[in-house]
Amino acid sequence: MATTVPQREFTITGEYEYDRRTPTRWVLAHVWRYPWLPIVFVLTVIGMAVAQSFGAISIGRAFDALIGGGGAAALGAAALWVTASYLGYGAFDIVNSLALRVLGQRVER
C-alpha cells in the first residue's frame, strides 16, 4: 500500500481538503465552502430585477399622473417612487458585486 506524499515543500496543519478529481469539482468545492455567497448573489439578482421592474412601473405611473392631470403632488410622489426604486437597484447591485468579488477572491486563494 503506497502512501501519497504532497509534492510541495511545506504543509499546513488542518488545511482544508478540496475535491481535486476534476476542475469542476474543484471550483464547486471552493464555492460551496462559502454557501452564503451564492445565496446572496441569487437574492440580489432577484432584488435588482424587482427594483428595475418597479422603476419602470413607477415611470408609467408618473406618465399617467402627468397626462391625467393628477397635479404636482401625484407627480412628486411618482418621482419619489422612481428615485427609491433606482436607489434600491443600486444598493442591490453593490451587494451583488461585493458578493461576486469576495467569492472570486476566496476561490482564487
N, C-alpha and C. Protein backbone atom coordinates (compact mmCIF):
# COMPACT_ATOMS: atom_id res chain seq x y z
N MET A 1 0.84 -1.17 0.00
CA MET A 1 0.00 0.00 0.00
C MET A 1 0.89 1.24 0.00
N ALA A 2 0.72 2.04 -1.00
CA ALA A 2 1.55 3.23 -1.15
C ALA A 2 0.88 4.42 -0.47
N THR A 3 1.69 5.22 0.16
CA THR A 3 1.18 6.45 0.76
C THR A 3 1.50 7.60 -0.17
N THR A 4 0.62 8.57 -0.21
CA THR A 4 0.85 9.72 -1.08
C THR A 4 1.56 10.80 -0.29
N VAL A 5 2.55 11.36 -0.89
CA VAL A 5 3.32 12.44 -0.28
C VAL A 5 3.01 13.71 -1.05
N PRO A 6 2.65 14.77 -0.35
CA PRO A 6 2.36 16.02 -1.07
C PRO A 6 3.60 16.49 -1.83
N GLN A 7 3.40 17.00 -3.01
CA GLN A 7 4.51 17.45 -3.83
C GLN A 7 4.76 18.94 -3.61
N ARG A 8 4.99 19.29 -2.38
CA ARG A 8 5.32 20.66 -2.05
C ARG A 8 6.24 20.66 -0.84
N GLU A 9 6.89 21.77 -0.65
CA GLU A 9 7.92 21.83 0.39
C GLU A 9 7.33 21.93 1.79
N PHE A 10 6.26 22.70 1.94
CA PHE A 10 5.69 22.92 3.26
C PHE A 10 4.25 22.41 3.29
N THR A 11 3.82 21.98 4.46
CA THR A 11 2.43 21.57 4.64
C THR A 11 1.82 22.39 5.76
N ILE A 12 0.52 22.54 5.69
CA ILE A 12 -0.22 23.31 6.69
C ILE A 12 -1.07 22.34 7.48
N THR A 13 -0.96 22.40 8.79
CA THR A 13 -1.78 21.52 9.61
C THR A 13 -3.22 22.02 9.60
N GLY A 14 -4.14 21.10 9.49
CA GLY A 14 -5.56 21.47 9.48
C GLY A 14 -6.00 22.12 8.18
N GLU A 15 -5.24 21.90 7.11
CA GLU A 15 -5.58 22.50 5.83
C GLU A 15 -6.88 21.91 5.29
N TYR A 16 -7.71 22.76 4.69
CA TYR A 16 -8.98 22.31 4.11
C TYR A 16 -8.67 21.51 2.85
N GLU A 17 -9.27 20.34 2.74
CA GLU A 17 -9.06 19.46 1.59
C GLU A 17 -10.14 19.71 0.54
N TYR A 18 -9.74 20.11 -0.65
CA TYR A 18 -10.66 20.32 -1.75
C TYR A 18 -10.71 19.08 -2.64
N ASP A 19 -11.84 18.88 -3.29
CA ASP A 19 -12.01 17.77 -4.22
C ASP A 19 -11.28 18.13 -5.52
N ARG A 20 -10.20 17.45 -5.82
CA ARG A 20 -9.37 17.78 -6.97
C ARG A 20 -9.51 16.78 -8.12
N ARG A 21 -10.56 15.99 -8.11
CA ARG A 21 -10.70 14.97 -9.16
C ARG A 21 -10.92 15.57 -10.53
N THR A 22 -11.71 16.64 -10.61
CA THR A 22 -11.93 17.33 -11.88
C THR A 22 -11.91 18.83 -11.61
N PRO A 23 -11.67 19.65 -12.62
CA PRO A 23 -11.70 21.10 -12.41
C PRO A 23 -13.06 21.60 -11.92
N THR A 24 -14.13 21.00 -12.43
CA THR A 24 -15.47 21.42 -12.00
C THR A 24 -15.68 21.14 -10.52
N ARG A 25 -15.28 19.97 -10.08
CA ARG A 25 -15.42 19.63 -8.65
C ARG A 25 -14.56 20.54 -7.79
N TRP A 26 -13.40 20.92 -8.29
CA TRP A 26 -12.51 21.79 -7.54
C TRP A 26 -13.15 23.17 -7.34
N VAL A 27 -13.70 23.72 -8.42
CA VAL A 27 -14.36 25.03 -8.33
C VAL A 27 -15.58 24.95 -7.42
N LEU A 28 -16.41 23.92 -7.60
CA LEU A 28 -17.60 23.78 -6.76
C LEU A 28 -17.23 23.57 -5.29
N ALA A 29 -16.13 22.87 -5.03
CA ALA A 29 -15.69 22.69 -3.64
C ALA A 29 -15.34 24.03 -3.01
N HIS A 30 -14.74 24.92 -3.79
CA HIS A 30 -14.43 26.26 -3.28
C HIS A 30 -15.70 27.07 -3.06
N VAL A 31 -16.60 27.01 -4.03
CA VAL A 31 -17.84 27.80 -3.94
C VAL A 31 -18.69 27.34 -2.77
N TRP A 32 -18.84 26.03 -2.60
CA TRP A 32 -19.71 25.52 -1.53
C TRP A 32 -19.07 25.60 -0.16
N ARG A 33 -17.80 25.98 -0.09
CA ARG A 33 -17.20 26.22 1.22
C ARG A 33 -17.78 27.49 1.84
N TYR A 34 -18.23 28.40 1.00
CA TYR A 34 -18.87 29.65 1.43
C TYR A 34 -20.29 29.69 0.85
N PRO A 35 -21.22 28.89 1.37
CA PRO A 35 -22.53 28.75 0.73
C PRO A 35 -23.38 30.01 0.77
N TRP A 36 -23.10 30.92 1.66
CA TRP A 36 -23.93 32.12 1.75
C TRP A 36 -23.64 33.08 0.59
N LEU A 37 -22.47 33.03 -0.01
CA LEU A 37 -22.16 33.95 -1.11
C LEU A 37 -23.00 33.68 -2.36
N PRO A 38 -23.15 32.44 -2.82
CA PRO A 38 -24.05 32.22 -3.96
C PRO A 38 -25.50 32.56 -3.63
N ILE A 39 -25.90 32.32 -2.38
CA ILE A 39 -27.27 32.66 -1.97
C ILE A 39 -27.47 34.17 -2.03
N VAL A 40 -26.49 34.94 -1.52
CA VAL A 40 -26.57 36.40 -1.58
C VAL A 40 -26.61 36.86 -3.03
N PHE A 41 -25.81 36.23 -3.88
CA PHE A 41 -25.80 36.58 -5.29
C PHE A 41 -27.18 36.40 -5.92
N VAL A 42 -27.79 35.25 -5.70
CA VAL A 42 -29.10 34.97 -6.30
C VAL A 42 -30.16 35.94 -5.76
N LEU A 43 -30.14 36.18 -4.45
CA LEU A 43 -31.12 37.09 -3.86
C LEU A 43 -30.95 38.52 -4.38
N THR A 44 -29.72 38.97 -4.55
CA THR A 44 -29.52 40.33 -5.06
C THR A 44 -29.88 40.43 -6.54
N VAL A 45 -29.68 39.38 -7.30
CA VAL A 45 -30.12 39.40 -8.70
C VAL A 45 -31.64 39.53 -8.77
N ILE A 46 -32.33 38.80 -7.91
CA ILE A 46 -33.80 38.91 -7.85
C ILE A 46 -34.20 40.31 -7.41
N GLY A 47 -33.52 40.84 -6.39
CA GLY A 47 -33.81 42.19 -5.92
C GLY A 47 -33.58 43.24 -7.00
N MET A 48 -32.51 43.07 -7.78
CA MET A 48 -32.24 44.01 -8.87
C MET A 48 -33.34 43.95 -9.92
N ALA A 49 -33.80 42.75 -10.25
CA ALA A 49 -34.87 42.62 -11.24
C ALA A 49 -36.16 43.25 -10.75
N VAL A 50 -36.48 43.04 -9.47
CA VAL A 50 -37.70 43.64 -8.90
C VAL A 50 -37.59 45.16 -8.89
N ALA A 51 -36.44 45.68 -8.47
CA ALA A 51 -36.26 47.13 -8.42
C ALA A 51 -36.33 47.74 -9.81
N GLN A 52 -35.71 47.09 -10.79
CA GLN A 52 -35.76 47.59 -12.16
C GLN A 52 -37.19 47.59 -12.68
N SER A 53 -37.93 46.54 -12.42
CA SER A 53 -39.32 46.46 -12.87
C SER A 53 -40.19 47.50 -12.18
N PHE A 54 -39.97 47.66 -10.87
CA PHE A 54 -40.76 48.65 -10.14
C PHE A 54 -40.44 50.06 -10.62
N GLY A 55 -39.19 50.30 -11.01
CA GLY A 55 -38.83 51.60 -11.57
C GLY A 55 -39.59 51.88 -12.86
N ALA A 56 -39.69 50.88 -13.72
CA ALA A 56 -40.43 51.05 -14.98
C ALA A 56 -41.91 51.28 -14.71
N ILE A 57 -42.46 50.54 -13.75
CA ILE A 57 -43.87 50.73 -13.38
C ILE A 57 -44.09 52.13 -12.82
N SER A 58 -43.16 52.59 -12.00
CA SER A 58 -43.28 53.92 -11.41
C SER A 58 -43.20 55.01 -12.46
N ILE A 59 -42.36 54.81 -13.47
CA ILE A 59 -42.28 55.79 -14.56
C ILE A 59 -43.60 55.82 -15.32
N GLY A 60 -44.21 54.67 -15.53
CA GLY A 60 -45.53 54.62 -16.18
C GLY A 60 -46.58 55.34 -15.36
N ARG A 61 -46.54 55.16 -14.05
CA ARG A 61 -47.50 55.85 -13.18
C ARG A 61 -47.26 57.36 -13.19
N ALA A 62 -45.99 57.77 -13.25
CA ALA A 62 -45.69 59.20 -13.33
C ALA A 62 -46.23 59.77 -14.64
N PHE A 63 -46.08 59.03 -15.72
CA PHE A 63 -46.61 59.47 -17.00
C PHE A 63 -48.13 59.58 -16.95
N ASP A 64 -48.77 58.58 -16.34
CA ASP A 64 -50.23 58.62 -16.20
C ASP A 64 -50.67 59.81 -15.36
N ALA A 65 -49.91 60.11 -14.29
CA ALA A 65 -50.25 61.25 -13.45
C ALA A 65 -50.11 62.55 -14.22
N LEU A 66 -49.10 62.64 -15.06
CA LEU A 66 -48.87 63.85 -15.84
C LEU A 66 -49.95 64.02 -16.91
N ILE A 67 -50.26 62.96 -17.61
CA ILE A 67 -51.27 63.03 -18.68
C ILE A 67 -52.67 63.19 -18.09
N GLY A 68 -52.95 62.48 -17.00
CA GLY A 68 -54.29 62.50 -16.42
C GLY A 68 -54.58 63.74 -15.59
N GLY A 69 -53.63 64.64 -15.47
CA GLY A 69 -53.85 65.86 -14.70
C GLY A 69 -53.88 65.61 -13.21
N GLY A 70 -53.06 64.70 -12.74
CA GLY A 70 -53.03 64.36 -11.32
C GLY A 70 -52.46 65.45 -10.44
N GLY A 71 -51.80 66.42 -11.01
CA GLY A 71 -51.26 67.52 -10.24
C GLY A 71 -49.83 67.26 -9.79
N ALA A 72 -49.30 68.28 -9.15
CA ALA A 72 -47.90 68.24 -8.71
C ALA A 72 -47.68 67.21 -7.62
N ALA A 73 -48.65 67.01 -6.75
CA ALA A 73 -48.49 66.05 -5.65
C ALA A 73 -48.36 64.63 -6.19
N ALA A 74 -49.20 64.27 -7.15
CA ALA A 74 -49.13 62.92 -7.73
C ALA A 74 -47.84 62.72 -8.50
N LEU A 75 -47.42 63.75 -9.23
CA LEU A 75 -46.18 63.66 -9.98
C LEU A 75 -44.98 63.58 -9.04
N GLY A 76 -45.01 64.35 -7.96
CA GLY A 76 -43.93 64.31 -6.97
C GLY A 76 -43.82 62.96 -6.29
N ALA A 77 -44.97 62.38 -5.95
CA ALA A 77 -44.96 61.05 -5.33
C ALA A 77 -44.42 60.01 -6.29
N ALA A 78 -44.82 60.09 -7.55
CA ALA A 78 -44.31 59.14 -8.55
C ALA A 78 -42.81 59.31 -8.74
N ALA A 79 -42.34 60.55 -8.73
CA ALA A 79 -40.90 60.80 -8.87
C ALA A 79 -40.13 60.22 -7.69
N LEU A 80 -40.69 60.33 -6.49
CA LEU A 80 -40.03 59.74 -5.32
C LEU A 80 -39.98 58.22 -5.42
N TRP A 81 -41.04 57.60 -5.93
CA TRP A 81 -41.03 56.14 -6.10
C TRP A 81 -40.01 55.71 -7.14
N VAL A 82 -39.89 56.48 -8.22
CA VAL A 82 -38.88 56.18 -9.24
C VAL A 82 -37.48 56.28 -8.64
N THR A 83 -37.24 57.35 -7.90
CA THR A 83 -35.94 57.53 -7.25
C THR A 83 -35.64 56.41 -6.27
N ALA A 84 -36.63 56.06 -5.46
CA ALA A 84 -36.43 54.99 -4.47
C ALA A 84 -36.15 53.65 -5.14
N SER A 85 -36.84 53.37 -6.23
CA SER A 85 -36.62 52.08 -6.89
C SER A 85 -35.22 52.00 -7.50
N TYR A 86 -34.74 53.09 -8.07
CA TYR A 86 -33.40 53.04 -8.65
C TYR A 86 -32.30 53.11 -7.60
N LEU A 87 -32.57 53.75 -6.47
CA LEU A 87 -31.62 53.67 -5.36
C LEU A 87 -31.56 52.25 -4.80
N GLY A 88 -32.71 51.60 -4.72
CA GLY A 88 -32.74 50.20 -4.31
C GLY A 88 -31.99 49.31 -5.28
N TYR A 89 -32.16 49.58 -6.57
CA TYR A 89 -31.42 48.83 -7.58
C TYR A 89 -29.92 48.99 -7.38
N GLY A 90 -29.50 50.22 -7.13
CA GLY A 90 -28.07 50.48 -6.90
C GLY A 90 -27.55 49.76 -5.68
N ALA A 91 -28.33 49.74 -4.60
CA ALA A 91 -27.91 49.04 -3.39
C ALA A 91 -27.78 47.54 -3.63
N PHE A 92 -28.76 46.96 -4.32
CA PHE A 92 -28.68 45.53 -4.65
C PHE A 92 -27.47 45.25 -5.54
N ASP A 93 -27.19 46.16 -6.48
CA ASP A 93 -26.07 45.97 -7.39
C ASP A 93 -24.74 46.01 -6.64
N ILE A 94 -24.62 46.91 -5.67
CA ILE A 94 -23.38 46.99 -4.88
C ILE A 94 -23.17 45.71 -4.09
N VAL A 95 -24.21 45.22 -3.43
CA VAL A 95 -24.09 43.99 -2.65
C VAL A 95 -23.79 42.81 -3.57
N ASN A 96 -24.42 42.79 -4.74
CA ASN A 96 -24.19 41.73 -5.72
C ASN A 96 -22.73 41.72 -6.16
N SER A 97 -22.21 42.88 -6.51
CA SER A 97 -20.82 42.96 -6.94
C SER A 97 -19.86 42.57 -5.83
N LEU A 98 -20.18 42.97 -4.60
CA LEU A 98 -19.34 42.61 -3.46
C LEU A 98 -19.33 41.10 -3.24
N ALA A 99 -20.49 40.47 -3.33
CA ALA A 99 -20.57 39.02 -3.14
C ALA A 99 -19.76 38.29 -4.21
N LEU A 100 -19.86 38.75 -5.46
CA LEU A 100 -19.08 38.11 -6.52
C LEU A 100 -17.59 38.32 -6.34
N ARG A 101 -17.20 39.51 -5.92
CA ARG A 101 -15.79 39.81 -5.72
C ARG A 101 -15.21 38.96 -4.59
N VAL A 102 -15.93 38.87 -3.48
CA VAL A 102 -15.46 38.07 -2.34
C VAL A 102 -15.39 36.60 -2.74
N LEU A 103 -16.41 36.10 -3.43
CA LEU A 103 -16.39 34.70 -3.86
C LEU A 103 -15.22 34.44 -4.80
N GLY A 104 -14.98 35.34 -5.73
CA GLY A 104 -13.85 35.19 -6.64
C GLY A 104 -12.52 35.18 -5.92
N GLN A 105 -12.38 36.05 -4.91
CA GLN A 105 -11.13 36.08 -4.15
C GLN A 105 -10.96 34.82 -3.32
N ARG A 106 -12.04 34.29 -2.79
CA ARG A 106 -11.95 33.06 -1.99
C ARG A 106 -11.59 31.86 -2.87
N VAL A 107 -12.12 31.81 -4.08
CA VAL A 107 -11.80 30.71 -4.98
C VAL A 107 -10.35 30.84 -5.47
N GLU A 108 -9.90 32.08 -5.64
CA GLU A 108 -8.56 32.32 -6.14
C GLU A 108 -7.48 31.85 -5.17
N ARG A 109 -7.75 31.90 -3.89
CA ARG A 109 -6.74 31.51 -2.89
C ARG A 109 -6.46 30.09 -3.01
